[in-house]
Amino acid sequence: MINSDMQVFTAKHLAEVLTIPDKYLRRLMTDMSKKGFIKSIQGREGGYVFAKNASKIYLSDVVDAVEGIERYNGCIMGHETCSDENPCSLHNTYAPIRDHLISFLLNTTIAELKDINISKF
């Protein structure tokens, strides 16, 4: 049973608000459900709810569930041998950006997103 204070979001609403295709959204929601971040509620009043407090879900957890966080640690050019000791041509430019992105993902929760002003391009 779902608490009455939990907000239920329909897939249609989420797809419209996030401006992403319904099929892609449903794949994401399935991945997030398998990891225990959300629950799917069936029926006429159904949709998705958070399975745990949004302040306990870090963006890194979501990224890892959907596509794997390790992909952000690799070379931006795709070189397998790129490292601090053997850098590619973009390594020194990309490394601080990558480190900042990973830090943001590790330290930002879903709950905190509402306080971040994200504007579309």
N, C-alpha and C. Protein backbone atom coordinates (compact mmCIF):
# COMPACT_ATOMS: atom_id res chain seq x y z
N MET A 1 0.84 -1.19 0.00
CA MET A 1 0.00 0.00 0.00
C MET A 1 0.88 1.25 0.00
N ILE A 2 0.46 2.24 -0.74
CA ILE A 2 1.22 3.49 -0.86
C ILE A 2 0.64 4.53 0.09
N ASN A 3 1.52 5.24 0.79
CA ASN A 3 1.08 6.30 1.67
C ASN A 3 0.37 7.39 0.88
N SER A 4 -0.62 8.01 1.50
CA SER A 4 -1.39 9.05 0.81
C SER A 4 -0.55 10.30 0.54
N ASP A 5 0.56 10.48 1.27
CA ASP A 5 1.40 11.66 1.05
C ASP A 5 2.42 11.46 -0.07
N MET A 6 2.49 10.28 -0.66
CA MET A 6 3.42 10.02 -1.75
C MET A 6 2.79 10.45 -3.06
N GLN A 7 3.53 11.21 -3.82
CA GLN A 7 3.02 11.70 -5.10
C GLN A 7 3.24 10.65 -6.18
N VAL A 8 2.19 10.36 -6.92
CA VAL A 8 2.25 9.39 -8.00
C VAL A 8 2.39 10.16 -9.32
N PHE A 9 3.36 9.74 -10.14
CA PHE A 9 3.59 10.38 -11.43
C PHE A 9 3.29 9.37 -12.53
N THR A 10 2.42 9.75 -13.46
CA THR A 10 2.14 8.86 -14.58
C THR A 10 3.27 8.94 -15.59
N ALA A 11 3.42 7.88 -16.38
CA ALA A 11 4.44 7.85 -17.41
C ALA A 11 4.18 8.95 -18.45
N LYS A 12 2.92 9.18 -18.77
CA LYS A 12 2.59 10.23 -19.74
C LYS A 12 3.03 11.59 -19.22
N HIS A 13 2.74 11.88 -17.96
CA HIS A 13 3.14 13.16 -17.37
C HIS A 13 4.66 13.32 -17.39
N LEU A 14 5.36 12.29 -16.95
CA LEU A 14 6.83 12.35 -16.91
C LEU A 14 7.43 12.55 -18.30
N ALA A 15 6.90 11.84 -19.29
CA ALA A 15 7.41 11.98 -20.66
C ALA A 15 7.20 13.40 -21.18
N GLU A 16 6.04 13.99 -20.86
CA GLU A 16 5.77 15.36 -21.31
C GLU A 16 6.65 16.38 -20.59
N VAL A 17 6.77 16.25 -19.27
CA VAL A 17 7.56 17.21 -18.49
C VAL A 17 9.04 17.10 -18.84
N LEU A 18 9.52 15.90 -19.00
CA LEU A 18 10.94 15.68 -19.29
C LEU A 18 11.27 15.78 -20.78
N THR A 19 10.24 15.87 -21.60
CA THR A 19 10.36 15.92 -23.07
C THR A 19 11.27 14.80 -23.59
N ILE A 20 10.95 13.58 -23.18
CA ILE A 20 11.65 12.41 -23.70
C ILE A 20 10.62 11.42 -24.23
N PRO A 21 11.00 10.59 -25.19
CA PRO A 21 10.06 9.62 -25.75
C PRO A 21 9.56 8.64 -24.69
N ASP A 22 8.30 8.29 -24.79
CA ASP A 22 7.65 7.39 -23.84
C ASP A 22 8.41 6.06 -23.73
N LYS A 23 8.83 5.50 -24.84
CA LYS A 23 9.52 4.21 -24.84
C LYS A 23 10.83 4.30 -24.05
N TYR A 24 11.58 5.38 -24.24
CA TYR A 24 12.83 5.59 -23.51
C TYR A 24 12.55 5.78 -22.02
N LEU A 25 11.54 6.57 -21.70
CA LEU A 25 11.18 6.80 -20.30
C LEU A 25 10.85 5.48 -19.62
N ARG A 26 10.08 4.66 -20.27
CA ARG A 26 9.68 3.39 -19.65
C ARG A 26 10.88 2.48 -19.42
N ARG A 27 11.87 2.51 -20.31
CA ARG A 27 13.09 1.74 -20.10
C ARG A 27 13.84 2.26 -18.88
N LEU A 28 13.93 3.59 -18.77
CA LEU A 28 14.60 4.19 -17.61
C LEU A 28 13.88 3.83 -16.31
N MET A 29 12.57 3.90 -16.33
CA MET A 29 11.78 3.61 -15.14
C MET A 29 11.92 2.13 -14.75
N THR A 30 12.02 1.25 -15.73
CA THR A 30 12.23 -0.16 -15.44
C THR A 30 13.58 -0.36 -14.76
N ASP A 31 14.62 0.28 -15.30
CA ASP A 31 15.96 0.19 -14.68
C ASP A 31 15.94 0.73 -13.26
N MET A 32 15.28 1.86 -13.06
CA MET A 32 15.23 2.46 -11.72
C MET A 32 14.39 1.63 -10.75
N SER A 33 13.37 0.98 -11.27
CA SER A 33 12.54 0.11 -10.44
C SER A 33 13.33 -1.13 -10.01
N LYS A 34 14.08 -1.70 -10.92
CA LYS A 34 14.89 -2.88 -10.60
C LYS A 34 15.92 -2.57 -9.52
N LYS A 35 16.40 -1.34 -9.48
CA LYS A 35 17.40 -0.93 -8.47
C LYS A 35 16.75 -0.47 -7.17
N GLY A 36 15.42 -0.43 -7.13
CA GLY A 36 14.72 -0.10 -5.90
C GLY A 36 14.54 1.38 -5.63
N PHE A 37 14.75 2.24 -6.63
CA PHE A 37 14.58 3.68 -6.44
C PHE A 37 13.12 4.10 -6.53
N ILE A 38 12.37 3.41 -7.38
CA ILE A 38 10.96 3.74 -7.58
C ILE A 38 10.13 2.46 -7.54
N LYS A 39 8.82 2.65 -7.40
CA LYS A 39 7.86 1.56 -7.48
C LYS A 39 6.85 1.90 -8.55
N SER A 40 6.39 0.88 -9.24
CA SER A 40 5.35 1.04 -10.24
C SER A 40 4.02 0.66 -9.60
N ILE A 41 3.04 1.55 -9.73
CA ILE A 41 1.70 1.32 -9.19
C ILE A 41 0.77 1.05 -10.37
N GLN A 42 0.14 -0.11 -10.36
CA GLN A 42 -0.75 -0.51 -11.44
C GLN A 42 -2.16 0.04 -11.22
N GLY A 43 -2.91 0.11 -12.30
CA GLY A 43 -4.32 0.50 -12.20
C GLY A 43 -4.60 1.91 -12.65
N ARG A 44 -5.86 2.27 -12.52
CA ARG A 44 -6.35 3.56 -13.01
C ARG A 44 -5.66 4.75 -12.35
N GLU A 45 -5.36 4.67 -11.09
CA GLU A 45 -4.68 5.73 -10.37
C GLU A 45 -3.17 5.46 -10.28
N GLY A 46 -2.68 4.61 -11.17
CA GLY A 46 -1.29 4.16 -11.12
C GLY A 46 -0.29 5.14 -11.67
N GLY A 47 0.93 4.74 -11.58
CA GLY A 47 2.06 5.53 -12.04
C GLY A 47 3.31 5.10 -11.30
N TYR A 48 4.17 6.05 -11.03
CA TYR A 48 5.43 5.77 -10.36
C TYR A 48 5.55 6.62 -9.10
N VAL A 49 6.12 6.03 -8.06
CA VAL A 49 6.42 6.73 -6.82
C VAL A 49 7.84 6.38 -6.41
N PHE A 50 8.45 7.25 -5.62
CA PHE A 50 9.76 6.94 -5.08
C PHE A 50 9.61 5.80 -4.07
N ALA A 51 10.50 4.84 -4.15
CA ALA A 51 10.49 3.71 -3.21
C ALA A 51 11.28 4.05 -1.96
N LYS A 52 12.13 5.04 -2.06
CA LYS A 52 12.86 5.53 -0.89
C LYS A 52 12.95 7.04 -0.97
N ASN A 53 13.32 7.64 0.12
CA ASN A 53 13.37 9.09 0.21
C ASN A 53 14.31 9.66 -0.86
N ALA A 54 13.84 10.69 -1.57
CA ALA A 54 14.62 11.30 -2.65
C ALA A 54 15.92 11.92 -2.13
N SER A 55 15.98 12.22 -0.86
CA SER A 55 17.22 12.77 -0.29
C SER A 55 18.26 11.68 -0.03
N LYS A 56 17.88 10.43 -0.25
CA LYS A 56 18.80 9.31 -0.07
C LYS A 56 19.23 8.71 -1.41
N ILE A 57 18.73 9.28 -2.51
CA ILE A 57 19.07 8.78 -3.85
C ILE A 57 20.01 9.78 -4.51
N TYR A 58 21.24 9.38 -4.70
CA TYR A 58 22.22 10.25 -5.34
C TYR A 58 22.19 10.07 -6.85
N LEU A 59 22.49 11.14 -7.56
CA LEU A 59 22.49 11.08 -9.02
C LEU A 59 23.44 9.99 -9.52
N SER A 60 24.55 9.79 -8.83
CA SER A 60 25.49 8.74 -9.22
C SER A 60 24.82 7.37 -9.16
N ASP A 61 23.93 7.15 -8.20
CA ASP A 61 23.21 5.88 -8.10
C ASP A 61 22.31 5.68 -9.32
N VAL A 62 21.64 6.74 -9.72
CA VAL A 62 20.73 6.67 -10.87
C VAL A 62 21.53 6.45 -12.16
N VAL A 63 22.59 7.23 -12.35
CA VAL A 63 23.43 7.07 -13.54
C VAL A 63 24.00 5.66 -13.60
N ASP A 64 24.46 5.16 -12.47
CA ASP A 64 25.02 3.81 -12.43
C ASP A 64 23.97 2.77 -12.78
N ALA A 65 22.75 2.96 -12.30
CA ALA A 65 21.66 2.02 -12.59
C ALA A 65 21.28 2.02 -14.05
N VAL A 66 21.34 3.18 -14.68
CA VAL A 66 20.86 3.31 -16.06
C VAL A 66 21.93 3.01 -17.09
N GLU A 67 23.13 3.55 -16.89
CA GLU A 67 24.15 3.37 -17.92
C GLU A 67 25.53 3.00 -17.40
N GLY A 68 25.71 3.02 -16.11
CA GLY A 68 27.00 2.68 -15.53
C GLY A 68 27.87 3.91 -15.33
N ILE A 69 28.25 4.17 -14.11
CA ILE A 69 29.05 5.36 -13.79
C ILE A 69 30.47 5.23 -14.32
N GLU A 70 30.94 4.00 -14.49
CA GLU A 70 32.32 3.79 -14.93
C GLU A 70 32.62 4.38 -16.30
N ARG A 71 31.61 4.55 -17.11
CA ARG A 71 31.84 5.11 -18.45
C ARG A 71 32.35 6.55 -18.39
N TYR A 72 32.10 7.24 -17.28
CA TYR A 72 32.57 8.62 -17.14
C TYR A 72 34.03 8.71 -16.74
N ASN A 73 34.61 7.59 -16.32
CA ASN A 73 36.01 7.58 -15.93
C ASN A 73 36.95 7.35 -17.11
N GLY A 74 36.42 6.96 -18.24
CA GLY A 74 37.24 6.65 -19.39
C GLY A 74 37.68 7.89 -20.17
N CYS A 75 38.43 7.63 -21.20
CA CYS A 75 38.94 8.68 -22.08
C CYS A 75 37.81 9.24 -22.94
N ILE A 76 37.75 10.55 -23.04
CA ILE A 76 36.71 11.19 -23.85
C ILE A 76 36.88 10.88 -25.33
N MET A 77 38.10 10.56 -25.73
CA MET A 77 38.39 10.23 -27.13
C MET A 77 38.22 8.73 -27.40
N GLY A 78 38.02 7.95 -26.33
CA GLY A 78 37.82 6.51 -26.48
C GLY A 78 39.10 5.69 -26.49
N HIS A 79 40.24 6.31 -26.18
CA HIS A 79 41.50 5.58 -26.16
C HIS A 79 41.60 4.73 -24.90
N GLU A 80 41.93 3.47 -25.08
CA GLU A 80 42.07 2.57 -23.93
C GLU A 80 43.33 2.85 -23.13
N THR A 81 44.34 3.42 -23.77
CA THR A 81 45.63 3.64 -23.10
C THR A 81 45.76 5.03 -22.50
N CYS A 82 44.75 5.85 -22.60
CA CYS A 82 44.81 7.21 -22.06
C CYS A 82 44.81 7.16 -20.54
N SER A 83 45.75 7.91 -19.94
CA SER A 83 45.85 8.00 -18.48
C SER A 83 46.63 9.26 -18.14
N ASP A 84 46.78 9.52 -16.85
CA ASP A 84 47.59 10.67 -16.43
C ASP A 84 49.03 10.53 -16.92
N GLU A 85 49.52 9.30 -16.95
CA GLU A 85 50.90 9.04 -17.39
C GLU A 85 51.03 9.03 -18.91
N ASN A 86 49.97 8.67 -19.59
CA ASN A 86 49.97 8.56 -21.05
C ASN A 86 48.73 9.27 -21.61
N PRO A 87 48.66 10.61 -21.51
CA PRO A 87 47.44 11.34 -21.87
C PRO A 87 47.23 11.48 -23.38
N CYS A 88 45.94 11.47 -23.76
CA CYS A 88 45.60 11.79 -25.14
C CYS A 88 45.61 13.32 -25.29
N SER A 89 45.30 13.79 -26.47
CA SER A 89 45.37 15.23 -26.73
C SER A 89 44.34 16.04 -25.93
N LEU A 90 43.25 15.44 -25.49
CA LEU A 90 42.23 16.16 -24.72
C LEU A 90 42.23 15.83 -23.23
N HIS A 91 43.09 14.93 -22.82
CA HIS A 91 43.08 14.45 -21.43
C HIS A 91 43.17 15.58 -20.41
N ASN A 92 44.14 16.45 -20.56
CA ASN A 92 44.35 17.50 -19.56
C ASN A 92 43.24 18.54 -19.55
N THR A 93 42.53 18.68 -20.67
CA THR A 93 41.38 19.58 -20.73
C THR A 93 40.14 18.93 -20.12
N TYR A 94 39.95 17.64 -20.42
CA TYR A 94 38.76 16.93 -19.98
C TYR A 94 38.82 16.48 -18.52
N ALA A 95 39.96 16.11 -18.02
CA ALA A 95 40.08 15.53 -16.68
C ALA A 95 39.43 16.40 -15.59
N PRO A 96 39.68 17.72 -15.54
CA PRO A 96 39.02 18.52 -14.49
C PRO A 96 37.50 18.60 -14.67
N ILE A 97 37.04 18.61 -15.91
CA ILE A 97 35.60 18.63 -16.19
C ILE A 97 34.99 17.31 -15.73
N ARG A 98 35.63 16.20 -16.07
CA ARG A 98 35.17 14.87 -15.66
C ARG A 98 35.12 14.78 -14.14
N ASP A 99 36.18 15.22 -13.49
CA ASP A 99 36.23 15.16 -12.03
C ASP A 99 35.11 15.98 -11.39
N HIS A 100 34.84 17.14 -11.95
CA HIS A 100 33.75 17.99 -11.44
C HIS A 100 32.40 17.31 -11.64
N LEU A 101 32.19 16.72 -12.81
CA LEU A 101 30.94 16.02 -13.10
C LEU A 101 30.74 14.85 -12.15
N ILE A 102 31.76 14.05 -11.97
CA ILE A 102 31.64 12.90 -11.08
C ILE A 102 31.38 13.35 -9.65
N SER A 103 32.04 14.40 -9.21
CA SER A 103 31.81 14.94 -7.87
C SER A 103 30.36 15.41 -7.73
N PHE A 104 29.85 16.09 -8.75
CA PHE A 104 28.45 16.55 -8.74
C PHE A 104 27.50 15.36 -8.62
N LEU A 105 27.73 14.32 -9.40
CA LEU A 105 26.87 13.14 -9.37
C LEU A 105 26.93 12.42 -8.03
N LEU A 106 28.12 12.35 -7.45
CA LEU A 106 28.31 11.67 -6.16
C LEU A 106 27.72 12.44 -4.98
N ASN A 107 27.62 13.75 -5.12
CA ASN A 107 27.24 14.59 -3.98
C ASN A 107 25.88 15.26 -4.10
N THR A 108 25.14 14.98 -5.16
CA THR A 108 23.84 15.62 -5.39
C THR A 108 22.74 14.56 -5.35
N THR A 109 21.71 14.85 -4.56
CA THR A 109 20.58 13.92 -4.47
C THR A 109 19.45 14.36 -5.40
N ILE A 110 18.53 13.45 -5.62
CA ILE A 110 17.34 13.75 -6.41
C ILE A 110 16.58 14.91 -5.76
N ALA A 111 16.50 14.91 -4.45
CA ALA A 111 15.77 15.96 -3.73
C ALA A 111 16.38 17.34 -3.98
N GLU A 112 17.69 17.39 -4.14
CA GLU A 112 18.37 18.67 -4.34
C GLU A 112 18.16 19.25 -5.74
N LEU A 113 17.73 18.44 -6.67
CA LEU A 113 17.54 18.92 -8.04
C LEU A 113 16.52 20.04 -8.14
N LYS A 114 15.53 20.02 -7.29
CA LYS A 114 14.51 21.07 -7.34
C LYS A 114 15.08 22.44 -7.00
N ASP A 115 16.21 22.47 -6.31
CA ASP A 115 16.84 23.74 -5.93
C ASP A 115 17.86 24.23 -6.95
N ILE A 116 18.10 23.40 -7.98
CA ILE A 116 19.08 23.77 -9.01
C ILE A 116 18.33 24.32 -10.21
N ASN A 117 18.71 25.50 -10.67
CA ASN A 117 18.08 26.11 -11.83
C ASN A 117 18.67 25.52 -13.09
N ILE A 118 17.96 24.60 -13.71
CA ILE A 118 18.40 23.97 -14.94
C ILE A 118 17.53 24.50 -16.07
N SER A 119 18.15 25.22 -16.99
CA SER A 119 17.39 25.75 -18.12
C SER A 119 17.76 25.00 -19.38
N LYS A 120 16.79 24.88 -20.26
CA LYS A 120 17.02 24.19 -21.53
C LYS A 120 17.73 25.09 -22.50
N PHE A 121 18.46 24.48 -23.38
CA PHE A 121 19.20 25.24 -24.40
C PHE A 121 18.29 25.61 -25.53
